[in-house]
Every structure is written in structure tokens, then in C-alpha cells.
């Protein structure tokens, strides 16, 4: 049984993405430090942070709300990555690897949300 958020596979994949994004954005031009770099890092961190916070919420509805926020941060992260690629800061291959990881996180979050919704419904049923 999973007792801590950092044991969740979804959080582990998210952490790998965050670390990779930090490493890749070190190479971005200085003028992007407070714009694209900051936004991309914040979006990536938000994924892990919301998974962690949702995990420790007691009520199912609260858990789901944080997992939805994490899922929204995935889309924000994807947007920033695609823009970085267009600007020539990241290669297509780098972006594709990160997009694949983000898609995996999204699928896992969707599964968690569905499971929590099913659990919630089963508790309400007689």
C-alpha cells in the first residue's frame, strides 16, 4: 500500500520531467530567464506539487480537484515546450520525449481520477 505521495508512479514520472526541464532550460538564452524558463519550470513543478497535495487530501473531492489542476499544468507545460521548440531552444527529439512523459502522467492522473470517482459513487450507493 502506498503511504507517501513520492511512492506514486505518476509523481515519480513527474519528478523526472521536472529535473529534465530544469537541465534543458539552463541552456536557454539569458533573456528568457524570467519569461519562458520561469513559466516552464513553474508549470512542471505544479504538476508534482498538485499530485503531492492531492494525495494528502482527506476528502475525495479535494483529491480530484488537485489532480485536475495537475492535469491542467500538463497542458501548460506542453504549450511552453512547443513554443520553446519553435524558437529553436529545444530540439524536436527533446520535446517529443517530454511530451511522451507528460502524456503518461496525464493517463495515470485520468486513471486516478476515474478510480476516485468510482470509489466515491460506490460509497453513495446502497
C-alpha atoms as a PDB file:
ATOM      1  CA  UNK A   1       0.000   0.000   0.000  1.00  0.00           C
ATOM      2  CA  UNK A   2       1.271   3.440  -0.932  1.00  0.00           C
ATOM      3  CA  UNK A   3       1.725   5.631   2.127  1.00  0.00           C
ATOM      4  CA  UNK A   4       3.535   8.657   0.688  1.00  0.00           C
ATOM      5  CA  UNK A   5       2.991  10.709  -2.459  1.00  0.00           C
ATOM      6  CA  UNK A   6       6.568  10.111  -3.595  1.00  0.00           C
ATOM      7  CA  UNK A   7       5.789   6.406  -3.907  1.00  0.00           C
ATOM      8  CA  UNK A   8       3.227   7.116  -6.656  1.00  0.00           C
ATOM      9  CA  UNK A   9       4.425   6.211 -10.143  1.00  0.00           C
ATOM     10  CA  UNK A  10       2.739   9.335 -11.511  1.00  0.00           C
ATOM     11  CA  UNK A  11       4.723  11.567  -9.147  1.00  0.00           C
ATOM     12  CA  UNK A  12       7.977   9.758  -9.985  1.00  0.00           C
ATOM     13  CA  UNK A  13       7.495  10.340 -13.707  1.00  0.00           C
ATOM     14  CA  UNK A  14       6.599  13.961 -12.987  1.00  0.00           C
ATOM     15  CA  UNK A  15       9.781  14.415 -10.973  1.00  0.00           C
ATOM     16  CA  UNK A  16      11.857  13.059 -13.852  1.00  0.00           C
ATOM     17  CA  UNK A  17      10.188  15.612 -16.156  1.00  0.00           C
ATOM     18  CA  UNK A  18      10.863  18.470 -13.752  1.00  0.00           C
ATOM     19  CA  UNK A  19      14.534  17.556 -13.450  1.00  0.00           C
ATOM     20  CA  UNK A  20      14.884  17.198 -17.216  1.00  0.00           C
ATOM     21  CA  UNK A  21      13.181  20.558 -17.815  1.00  0.00           C
ATOM     22  CA  UNK A  22      15.485  22.266 -15.316  1.00  0.00           C
ATOM     23  CA  UNK A  23      18.524  20.788 -17.048  1.00  0.00           C
ATOM     24  CA  UNK A  24      17.325  21.720 -20.534  1.00  0.00           C
ATOM     25  CA  UNK A  25      16.310  25.261 -19.620  1.00  0.00           C
ATOM     26  CA  UNK A  26      19.799  26.014 -18.267  1.00  0.00           C
ATOM     27  CA  UNK A  27      20.806  26.314 -21.913  1.00  0.00           C
ATOM     28  CA  UNK A  28      18.081  28.832 -22.837  1.00  0.00           C
ATOM     29  CA  UNK A  29      19.143  32.414 -23.643  1.00  0.00           C
ATOM     30  CA  UNK A  30      19.505  34.742 -20.660  1.00  0.00           C
ATOM     31  CA  UNK A  31      16.647  36.946 -21.899  1.00  0.00           C
ATOM     32  CA  UNK A  32      14.250  34.001 -21.341  1.00  0.00           C
ATOM     33  CA  UNK A  33      15.181  33.540 -17.670  1.00  0.00           C
ATOM     34  CA  UNK A  34      12.189  35.445 -16.323  1.00  0.00           C
ATOM     35  CA  UNK A  35       9.808  34.548 -19.122  1.00  0.00           C
ATOM     36  CA  UNK A  36       9.752  31.166 -20.807  1.00  0.00           C
ATOM     37  CA  UNK A  37      12.193  29.438 -18.435  1.00  0.00           C
ATOM     38  CA  UNK A  38      10.294  30.598 -15.363  1.00  0.00           C
ATOM     39  CA  UNK A  39       6.903  29.684 -16.829  1.00  0.00           C
ATOM     40  CA  UNK A  40       8.040  26.248 -17.988  1.00  0.00           C
ATOM     41  CA  UNK A  41       9.661  25.393 -14.675  1.00  0.00           C
ATOM     42  CA  UNK A  42       6.651  26.591 -12.700  1.00  0.00           C
ATOM     43  CA  UNK A  43       4.256  24.566 -14.848  1.00  0.00           C
ATOM     44  CA  UNK A  44       6.373  21.423 -14.457  1.00  0.00           C
ATOM     45  CA  UNK A  45       6.720  21.921 -10.701  1.00  0.00           C
ATOM     46  CA  UNK A  46       2.988  22.489 -10.428  1.00  0.00           C
ATOM     47  CA  UNK A  47       2.314  19.005 -11.784  1.00  0.00           C
ATOM     48  CA  UNK A  48       4.275  17.323  -8.987  1.00  0.00           C
ATOM     49  CA  UNK A  49       3.132  19.740  -6.306  1.00  0.00           C
ATOM     50  CA  UNK A  50      -0.548  19.233  -7.068  1.00  0.00           C
ATOM     51  CA  UNK A  51      -0.165  15.449  -7.174  1.00  0.00           C
ATOM     52  CA  UNK A  52       1.537  15.591  -3.772  1.00  0.00           C
ATOM     53  CA  UNK A  53      -1.046  17.915  -2.294  1.00  0.00           C
ATOM     54  CA  UNK A  54      -3.951  15.935  -3.708  1.00  0.00           C
ATOM     55  CA  UNK A  55      -2.553  12.711  -2.315  1.00  0.00           C
ATOM     56  CA  UNK A  56      -2.679  14.046   1.239  1.00  0.00           C
ATOM     57  CA  UNK A  57      -6.178  15.484   0.991  1.00  0.00           C
ATOM     58  CA  UNK A  58      -8.708  13.582   3.048  1.00  0.00           C
ATOM     59  CA  UNK A  59     -11.852  14.131   1.000  1.00  0.00           C
ATOM     60  CA  UNK A  60     -12.175  12.522  -2.402  1.00  0.00           C
ATOM     61  CA  UNK A  61     -13.493  15.703  -3.997  1.00  0.00           C
ATOM     62  CA  UNK A  62     -10.427  17.626  -2.798  1.00  0.00           C
ATOM     63  CA  UNK A  63      -8.072  14.942  -4.115  1.00  0.00           C
ATOM     64  CA  UNK A  64      -9.742  15.033  -7.520  1.00  0.00           C
ATOM     65  CA  UNK A  65      -9.602  18.833  -7.662  1.00  0.00           C
ATOM     66  CA  UNK A  66      -5.818  18.815  -7.164  1.00  0.00           C
ATOM     67  CA  UNK A  67      -5.370  16.043  -9.730  1.00  0.00           C
ATOM     68  CA  UNK A  68      -7.374  18.110 -12.239  1.00  0.00           C
ATOM     69  CA  UNK A  69      -5.092  21.067 -11.523  1.00  0.00           C
ATOM     70  CA  UNK A  70      -2.048  18.858 -12.116  1.00  0.00           C
ATOM     71  CA  UNK A  71      -3.595  17.776 -15.408  1.00  0.00           C
ATOM     72  CA  UNK A  72      -4.111  21.408 -16.442  1.00  0.00           C
ATOM     73  CA  UNK A  73      -0.455  22.107 -15.636  1.00  0.00           C
ATOM     74  CA  UNK A  74       0.478  19.324 -18.041  1.00  0.00           C
ATOM     75  CA  UNK A  75      -1.208  21.233 -20.862  1.00  0.00           C
ATOM     76  CA  UNK A  76       0.515  24.448 -19.836  1.00  0.00           C
ATOM     77  CA  UNK A  77       3.856  22.661 -19.813  1.00  0.00           C
ATOM     78  CA  UNK A  78       3.215  21.187 -23.267  1.00  0.00           C
ATOM     79  CA  UNK A  79       2.403  24.636 -24.626  1.00  0.00           C
ATOM     80  CA  UNK A  80       5.639  26.115 -23.290  1.00  0.00           C
ATOM     81  CA  UNK A  81       7.653  23.188 -24.656  1.00  0.00           C
ATOM     82  CA  UNK A  82       6.186  23.575 -28.140  1.00  0.00           C
ATOM     83  CA  UNK A  83       6.901  27.309 -28.105  1.00  0.00           C
ATOM     84  CA  UNK A  84      10.476  26.640 -26.948  1.00  0.00           C
ATOM     85  CA  UNK A  85      10.868  24.224 -29.830  1.00  0.00           C
ATOM     86  CA  UNK A  86       9.523  26.795 -32.336  1.00  0.00           C
ATOM     87  CA  UNK A  87      12.008  29.326 -31.007  1.00  0.00           C
ATOM     88  CA  UNK A  88      14.831  26.835 -31.507  1.00  0.00           C
ATOM     89  CA  UNK A  89      15.643  26.427 -27.822  1.00  0.00           C
ATOM     90  CA  UNK A  90      14.759  22.722 -27.786  1.00  0.00           C
ATOM     91  CA  UNK A  91      15.061  20.055 -30.448  1.00  0.00           C
ATOM     92  CA  UNK A  92      12.087  18.111 -31.726  1.00  0.00           C
ATOM     93  CA  UNK A  93      13.500  14.983 -30.131  1.00  0.00           C
ATOM     94  CA  UNK A  94      13.832  16.636 -26.708  1.00  0.00           C
ATOM     95  CA  UNK A  95      10.272  17.893 -26.891  1.00  0.00           C
ATOM     96  CA  UNK A  96       8.888  14.540 -28.061  1.00  0.00           C
ATOM     97  CA  UNK A  97      10.473  12.728 -25.109  1.00  0.00           C
ATOM     98  CA  UNK A  98       8.995  15.233 -22.654  1.00  0.00           C
ATOM     99  CA  UNK A  99       5.596  15.184 -24.359  1.00  0.00           C
ATOM    100  CA  UNK A 100       5.528  11.383 -24.111  1.00  0.00           C
ATOM    101  CA  UNK A 101       6.285  11.585 -20.380  1.00  0.00           C
ATOM    102  CA  UNK A 102       3.639  14.277 -19.902  1.00  0.00           C
ATOM    103  CA  UNK A 103       1.114  12.128 -21.768  1.00  0.00           C
ATOM    104  CA  UNK A 104       1.951   9.213 -19.447  1.00  0.00           C
ATOM    105  CA  UNK A 105       1.384  11.431 -16.433  1.00  0.00           C
ATOM    106  CA  UNK A 106      -1.935  12.555 -17.890  1.00  0.00           C
ATOM    107  CA  UNK A 107      -3.097   8.972 -18.442  1.00  0.00           C
ATOM    108  CA  UNK A 108      -2.123   7.988 -14.907  1.00  0.00           C
ATOM    109  CA  UNK A 109      -3.915  11.034 -13.489  1.00  0.00           C
ATOM    110  CA  UNK A 110      -7.019  10.218 -15.518  1.00  0.00           C
ATOM    111  CA  UNK A 111      -6.955   6.682 -14.115  1.00  0.00           C
ATOM    112  CA  UNK A 112      -6.599   8.018 -10.582  1.00  0.00           C
ATOM    113  CA  UNK A 113      -9.467  10.461 -11.093  1.00  0.00           C
ATOM    114  CA  UNK A 114     -11.693   7.723 -12.537  1.00  0.00           C
ATOM    115  CA  UNK A 115     -10.871   5.382  -9.668  1.00  0.00           C
ATOM    116  CA  UNK A 116     -11.635   8.055  -7.106  1.00  0.00           C
ATOM    117  CA  UNK A 117     -14.908   8.926  -8.834  1.00  0.00           C
ATOM    118  CA  UNK A 118     -15.893   5.232  -8.895  1.00  0.00           C
ATOM    119  CA  UNK A 119     -14.965   4.843  -5.252  1.00  0.00           C
ATOM    120  CA  UNK A 120     -16.980   7.911  -4.359  1.00  0.00           C
ATOM    121  CA  UNK A 121     -20.023   6.607  -6.271  1.00  0.00           C
ATOM    122  CA  UNK A 122     -19.778   3.170  -4.676  1.00  0.00           C
ATOM    123  CA  UNK A 123     -19.806   4.737  -1.219  1.00  0.00           C
ATOM    124  CA  UNK A 124     -23.002   6.598  -2.078  1.00  0.00           C
ATOM    125  CA  UNK A 125     -24.756   3.511  -3.461  1.00  0.00           C
ATOM    126  CA  UNK A 126     -26.816   1.382  -1.062  1.00  0.00           C
END
